[in-house]
């Protein structure tokens, strides 16, 4: 649909109550396009990290119900290497974090914020 269609306004008690818009416009309005200031992190991950003190890597892995072995395989590393990275005092390289984020299908920002 390339032509712009005016929205249909549905009145209730003499006041606008609803607007009916073309599907494509609705999809554009509701599209979630995260940027650096809008990073979605589930409550369970935040709680595990902030309250329980586990690393973000471990918090996300447990959120997805993955074992260390499974995540390590997906990220192209060994399970002992992943175990070291999951320690809260670990300082993984950005490249390593990118591999882990990709293996969990999340963004780097979701893993580092």
N, C-alpha and C. Protein backbone atom coordinates (compact mmCIF):
# COMPACT_ATOMS: atom_id res chain seq x y z
N UNK A 1 0.85 -1.16 0.00
CA UNK A 1 0.00 0.00 0.00
C UNK A 1 0.90 1.23 0.00
N UNK A 2 0.90 1.97 -1.09
CA UNK A 2 1.76 3.13 -1.17
C UNK A 2 1.03 4.43 -0.94
N UNK A 3 -0.29 4.46 -1.13
CA UNK A 3 -1.05 5.69 -0.94
C UNK A 3 -1.33 5.90 0.54
N UNK A 4 -1.21 7.16 0.98
CA UNK A 4 -1.51 7.48 2.37
C UNK A 4 -3.02 7.51 2.55
N UNK A 5 -3.51 6.85 3.55
CA UNK A 5 -4.94 6.82 3.84
C UNK A 5 -5.13 7.50 5.18
N UNK A 6 -6.07 8.42 5.22
CA UNK A 6 -6.36 9.13 6.47
C UNK A 6 -6.93 8.15 7.49
N UNK A 7 -6.55 8.29 8.74
CA UNK A 7 -7.08 7.37 9.76
C UNK A 7 -8.58 7.60 9.96
N UNK A 8 -9.25 6.54 10.33
CA UNK A 8 -10.67 6.63 10.68
C UNK A 8 -10.76 6.93 12.17
N UNK A 9 -11.46 7.98 12.53
CA UNK A 9 -11.61 8.35 13.94
C UNK A 9 -12.97 7.86 14.41
N UNK A 10 -12.96 7.10 15.49
CA UNK A 10 -14.19 6.58 16.07
C UNK A 10 -14.49 7.40 17.32
N UNK A 11 -15.68 8.00 17.32
CA UNK A 11 -16.08 8.89 18.40
C UNK A 11 -16.85 8.12 19.47
N UNK A 12 -16.71 8.59 20.70
CA UNK A 12 -17.45 8.02 21.82
C UNK A 12 -17.82 9.17 22.74
N UNK A 13 -19.08 9.36 22.99
CA UNK A 13 -19.56 10.47 23.81
C UNK A 13 -19.09 11.81 23.24
N UNK A 14 -19.07 11.91 21.92
CA UNK A 14 -18.71 13.17 21.28
C UNK A 14 -17.22 13.49 21.27
N UNK A 15 -16.40 12.54 21.71
CA UNK A 15 -14.95 12.76 21.76
C UNK A 15 -14.25 11.66 20.98
N UNK A 16 -13.09 11.97 20.38
CA UNK A 16 -12.33 10.91 19.71
C UNK A 16 -11.92 9.84 20.72
N UNK A 17 -12.20 8.57 20.40
CA UNK A 17 -11.87 7.48 21.31
C UNK A 17 -10.86 6.51 20.69
N UNK A 18 -10.95 6.30 19.38
CA UNK A 18 -10.07 5.36 18.69
C UNK A 18 -9.70 5.90 17.32
N UNK A 19 -8.54 5.48 16.85
CA UNK A 19 -8.14 5.80 15.48
C UNK A 19 -7.80 4.50 14.78
N UNK A 20 -8.35 4.30 13.61
CA UNK A 20 -8.06 3.12 12.81
C UNK A 20 -7.08 3.57 11.72
N UNK A 21 -5.92 2.91 11.68
CA UNK A 21 -4.89 3.29 10.71
C UNK A 21 -4.50 2.08 9.87
N UNK A 22 -3.92 2.31 8.70
CA UNK A 22 -3.48 1.18 7.88
C UNK A 22 -2.45 0.33 8.62
N UNK A 23 -2.47 -0.96 8.34
CA UNK A 23 -1.60 -1.92 9.00
C UNK A 23 -0.13 -1.53 8.91
N UNK A 24 0.32 -1.09 7.74
CA UNK A 24 1.72 -0.73 7.56
C UNK A 24 2.12 0.43 8.48
N UNK A 25 1.23 1.40 8.64
CA UNK A 25 1.52 2.51 9.55
C UNK A 25 1.57 2.04 10.99
N UNK A 26 0.67 1.13 11.36
CA UNK A 26 0.68 0.56 12.70
C UNK A 26 2.01 -0.16 12.97
N UNK A 27 2.44 -0.97 12.00
CA UNK A 27 3.70 -1.70 12.17
C UNK A 27 4.87 -0.74 12.33
N UNK A 28 4.87 0.34 11.58
CA UNK A 28 5.94 1.33 11.69
C UNK A 28 5.93 1.98 13.08
N UNK A 29 4.76 2.29 13.57
CA UNK A 29 4.64 2.93 14.89
C UNK A 29 5.07 2.00 16.03
N UNK A 30 4.85 0.71 15.85
CA UNK A 30 5.14 -0.23 16.94
C UNK A 30 6.47 -0.95 16.78
N UNK A 31 7.17 -0.67 15.70
CA UNK A 31 8.47 -1.32 15.49
C UNK A 31 9.41 -0.91 16.61
N UNK A 32 10.04 -1.89 17.23
CA UNK A 32 10.99 -1.63 18.30
C UNK A 32 12.39 -1.67 17.70
N UNK A 33 13.00 -0.53 17.64
CA UNK A 33 14.34 -0.42 17.06
C UNK A 33 15.29 0.07 18.16
N UNK A 34 15.83 -0.87 18.97
CA UNK A 34 16.65 -0.43 20.09
C UNK A 34 17.91 0.30 19.65
N UNK A 35 18.23 1.32 20.38
CA UNK A 35 19.50 2.00 20.18
C UNK A 35 20.28 1.90 21.48
N UNK A 36 21.36 2.62 21.58
CA UNK A 36 22.23 2.50 22.76
C UNK A 36 21.53 2.87 24.06
N UNK A 37 20.51 3.72 23.98
CA UNK A 37 19.82 4.14 25.20
C UNK A 37 18.61 3.28 25.51
N UNK A 38 18.30 2.33 24.65
CA UNK A 38 17.11 1.51 24.82
C UNK A 38 17.49 0.04 24.71
N UNK A 39 18.03 -0.50 25.79
CA UNK A 39 18.46 -1.89 25.80
C UNK A 39 17.52 -2.67 26.70
N UNK A 40 16.88 -3.70 26.11
CA UNK A 40 15.94 -4.53 26.85
C UNK A 40 16.69 -5.65 27.55
N UNK A 41 16.53 -5.72 28.87
CA UNK A 41 17.12 -6.79 29.67
C UNK A 41 16.02 -7.30 30.61
N UNK A 42 15.72 -8.59 30.55
CA UNK A 42 14.65 -9.13 31.39
C UNK A 42 14.94 -8.98 32.88
N UNK A 43 13.89 -8.86 33.64
CA UNK A 43 14.00 -8.71 35.10
C UNK A 43 14.84 -9.83 35.72
N UNK A 44 14.65 -11.05 35.25
CA UNK A 44 15.38 -12.19 35.82
C UNK A 44 16.89 -12.04 35.64
N UNK A 45 17.29 -11.48 34.49
CA UNK A 45 18.72 -11.28 34.23
C UNK A 45 19.26 -10.16 35.12
N UNK A 46 18.52 -9.08 35.22
CA UNK A 46 18.94 -7.96 36.07
C UNK A 46 19.05 -8.41 37.52
N UNK A 47 18.07 -9.16 37.99
CA UNK A 47 18.07 -9.65 39.38
C UNK A 47 19.27 -10.55 39.64
N UNK A 48 19.52 -11.49 38.73
CA UNK A 48 20.65 -12.41 38.91
C UNK A 48 21.96 -11.65 38.96
N UNK A 49 22.09 -10.62 38.12
CA UNK A 49 23.33 -9.85 38.07
C UNK A 49 23.45 -8.88 39.24
N UNK A 50 22.44 -8.07 39.46
CA UNK A 50 22.53 -7.00 40.46
C UNK A 50 22.36 -7.50 41.88
N UNK A 51 21.46 -8.42 42.12
CA UNK A 51 21.17 -8.87 43.48
C UNK A 51 21.99 -10.10 43.86
N UNK A 52 22.05 -11.05 42.94
CA UNK A 52 22.76 -12.30 43.25
C UNK A 52 24.24 -12.25 42.90
N UNK A 53 24.67 -11.21 42.18
CA UNK A 53 26.09 -11.02 41.89
C UNK A 53 26.68 -11.92 40.82
N UNK A 54 25.84 -12.57 40.00
CA UNK A 54 26.40 -13.40 38.93
C UNK A 54 26.71 -12.53 37.72
N UNK A 55 27.61 -13.00 36.89
CA UNK A 55 27.99 -12.24 35.70
C UNK A 55 26.83 -12.17 34.73
N UNK A 56 26.86 -11.18 33.84
CA UNK A 56 25.82 -11.07 32.82
C UNK A 56 25.83 -12.28 31.90
N UNK A 57 26.99 -12.82 31.62
CA UNK A 57 27.06 -14.01 30.76
C UNK A 57 26.28 -15.15 31.40
N UNK A 58 26.56 -15.41 32.65
CA UNK A 58 25.87 -16.49 33.35
C UNK A 58 24.37 -16.19 33.50
N UNK A 59 24.05 -14.95 33.84
CA UNK A 59 22.64 -14.58 34.03
C UNK A 59 21.83 -14.81 32.75
N UNK A 60 22.37 -14.38 31.61
CA UNK A 60 21.68 -14.60 30.34
C UNK A 60 21.63 -16.09 30.00
N UNK A 61 22.73 -16.81 30.20
CA UNK A 61 22.76 -18.24 29.88
C UNK A 61 21.68 -18.98 30.67
N UNK A 62 21.59 -18.69 31.96
CA UNK A 62 20.58 -19.34 32.80
C UNK A 62 19.17 -18.90 32.41
N UNK A 63 19.01 -17.64 32.01
CA UNK A 63 17.71 -17.15 31.55
C UNK A 63 17.22 -17.97 30.36
N UNK A 64 18.13 -18.30 29.45
CA UNK A 64 17.79 -19.08 28.27
C UNK A 64 17.77 -20.59 28.54
N UNK A 65 18.12 -21.00 29.76
CA UNK A 65 18.11 -22.42 30.11
C UNK A 65 19.18 -23.23 29.41
N UNK A 66 20.31 -22.59 29.14
CA UNK A 66 21.41 -23.27 28.45
C UNK A 66 22.44 -23.76 29.45
N UNK A 67 23.10 -24.84 29.11
CA UNK A 67 24.22 -25.32 29.91
C UNK A 67 25.48 -24.58 29.46
N UNK A 68 26.51 -24.62 30.30
CA UNK A 68 27.80 -24.05 29.89
C UNK A 68 28.31 -24.74 28.63
N UNK A 69 28.14 -26.04 28.57
CA UNK A 69 28.62 -26.81 27.43
C UNK A 69 27.93 -26.36 26.14
N UNK A 70 26.62 -26.17 26.20
CA UNK A 70 25.87 -25.75 25.01
C UNK A 70 26.28 -24.36 24.54
N UNK A 71 26.37 -23.41 25.48
CA UNK A 71 26.77 -22.05 25.10
C UNK A 71 28.19 -22.03 24.57
N UNK A 72 29.08 -22.75 25.22
CA UNK A 72 30.47 -22.80 24.77
C UNK A 72 30.56 -23.34 23.34
N UNK A 73 29.83 -24.39 23.07
CA UNK A 73 29.82 -24.96 21.72
C UNK A 73 29.32 -23.95 20.70
N UNK A 74 28.22 -23.28 21.02
CA UNK A 74 27.65 -22.28 20.10
C UNK A 74 28.60 -21.10 19.88
N UNK A 75 29.37 -20.75 20.91
CA UNK A 75 30.28 -19.61 20.82
C UNK A 75 31.66 -20.01 20.28
N UNK A 76 31.88 -21.30 20.07
CA UNK A 76 33.15 -21.76 19.52
C UNK A 76 34.28 -21.74 20.52
N UNK A 77 33.98 -22.11 21.76
CA UNK A 77 35.02 -22.16 22.79
C UNK A 77 34.81 -23.40 23.65
N UNK A 78 35.71 -23.63 24.56
CA UNK A 78 35.58 -24.78 25.45
C UNK A 78 34.73 -24.41 26.66
N UNK A 79 34.17 -25.43 27.29
CA UNK A 79 33.38 -25.19 28.50
C UNK A 79 34.22 -24.60 29.63
N UNK A 80 35.47 -25.08 29.87
CA UNK A 80 36.27 -24.45 30.93
C UNK A 80 36.57 -22.97 30.66
N UNK A 81 36.75 -22.61 29.38
CA UNK A 81 36.99 -21.20 29.04
C UNK A 81 35.75 -20.37 29.38
N UNK A 82 34.57 -20.89 29.04
CA UNK A 82 33.34 -20.18 29.36
C UNK A 82 33.16 -20.06 30.88
N UNK A 83 33.46 -21.12 31.60
CA UNK A 83 33.34 -21.09 33.06
C UNK A 83 34.19 -19.96 33.65
N UNK A 84 35.41 -19.78 33.11
CA UNK A 84 36.27 -18.68 33.59
C UNK A 84 35.64 -17.32 33.27
N UNK A 85 35.04 -17.20 32.08
CA UNK A 85 34.42 -15.94 31.68
C UNK A 85 33.18 -15.62 32.50
N UNK A 86 32.53 -16.63 33.05
CA UNK A 86 31.33 -16.42 33.85
C UNK A 86 31.63 -15.94 35.27
N UNK A 87 32.88 -15.97 35.68
CA UNK A 87 33.21 -15.46 37.01
C UNK A 87 32.97 -13.95 37.03
N UNK A 88 32.44 -13.46 38.14
CA UNK A 88 32.05 -12.05 38.21
C UNK A 88 33.23 -11.08 38.09
N UNK A 89 34.45 -11.54 38.37
CA UNK A 89 35.62 -10.65 38.26
C UNK A 89 36.32 -10.78 36.90
N UNK A 90 35.74 -11.53 35.99
CA UNK A 90 36.32 -11.74 34.66
C UNK A 90 36.21 -10.46 33.82
N UNK A 91 37.18 -10.23 32.97
CA UNK A 91 37.20 -9.07 32.06
C UNK A 91 37.36 -9.57 30.63
N UNK A 92 36.29 -10.14 30.04
CA UNK A 92 36.40 -10.68 28.68
C UNK A 92 36.66 -9.59 27.64
N UNK A 93 37.34 -9.97 26.56
CA UNK A 93 37.56 -9.06 25.45
C UNK A 93 36.26 -8.84 24.69
N UNK A 94 36.16 -7.70 24.02
CA UNK A 94 34.96 -7.37 23.25
C UNK A 94 34.67 -8.44 22.20
N UNK A 95 35.70 -8.91 21.52
CA UNK A 95 35.50 -9.95 20.51
C UNK A 95 34.88 -11.21 21.08
N UNK A 96 35.32 -11.57 22.27
CA UNK A 96 34.77 -12.75 22.95
C UNK A 96 33.32 -12.50 23.34
N UNK A 97 33.04 -11.31 23.86
CA UNK A 97 31.67 -10.98 24.24
C UNK A 97 30.75 -10.98 23.02
N UNK A 98 31.26 -10.52 21.88
CA UNK A 98 30.45 -10.53 20.66
C UNK A 98 30.08 -11.96 20.27
N UNK A 99 31.04 -12.88 20.38
CA UNK A 99 30.77 -14.28 20.06
C UNK A 99 29.72 -14.87 20.99
N UNK A 100 29.83 -14.56 22.27
CA UNK A 100 28.89 -15.08 23.26
C UNK A 100 27.50 -14.49 23.03
N UNK A 101 27.44 -13.18 22.77
CA UNK A 101 26.15 -12.53 22.50
C UNK A 101 25.50 -13.16 21.26
N UNK A 102 26.27 -13.33 20.21
CA UNK A 102 25.73 -13.94 18.99
C UNK A 102 25.24 -15.36 19.24
N UNK A 103 25.96 -16.10 20.07
CA UNK A 103 25.57 -17.47 20.38
C UNK A 103 24.24 -17.52 21.13
N UNK A 104 23.91 -16.46 21.85
CA UNK A 104 22.64 -16.40 22.58
C UNK A 104 21.59 -15.58 21.84
N UNK A 105 21.96 -15.06 20.67
CA UNK A 105 21.06 -14.24 19.85
C UNK A 105 20.58 -13.00 20.60
N UNK A 106 21.53 -12.33 21.27
CA UNK A 106 21.26 -11.05 21.93
C UNK A 106 22.30 -10.07 21.42
N UNK A 107 22.11 -8.79 21.74
CA UNK A 107 23.09 -7.79 21.31
C UNK A 107 24.23 -7.69 22.32
N UNK A 108 25.33 -7.13 21.86
CA UNK A 108 26.47 -6.89 22.75
C UNK A 108 26.04 -5.99 23.91
N UNK A 109 25.21 -4.99 23.62
CA UNK A 109 24.75 -4.07 24.66
C UNK A 109 23.94 -4.79 25.72
N UNK A 110 23.15 -5.78 25.34
CA UNK A 110 22.38 -6.54 26.32
C UNK A 110 23.29 -7.35 27.24
N UNK A 111 24.45 -7.67 26.75
CA UNK A 111 25.39 -8.47 27.54
C UNK A 111 26.28 -7.59 28.41
N UNK A 112 26.48 -6.34 28.02
CA UNK A 112 27.43 -5.49 28.73
C UNK A 112 26.80 -4.40 29.58
N UNK A 113 25.52 -4.10 29.40
CA UNK A 113 24.89 -3.03 30.19
C UNK A 113 24.46 -3.52 31.55
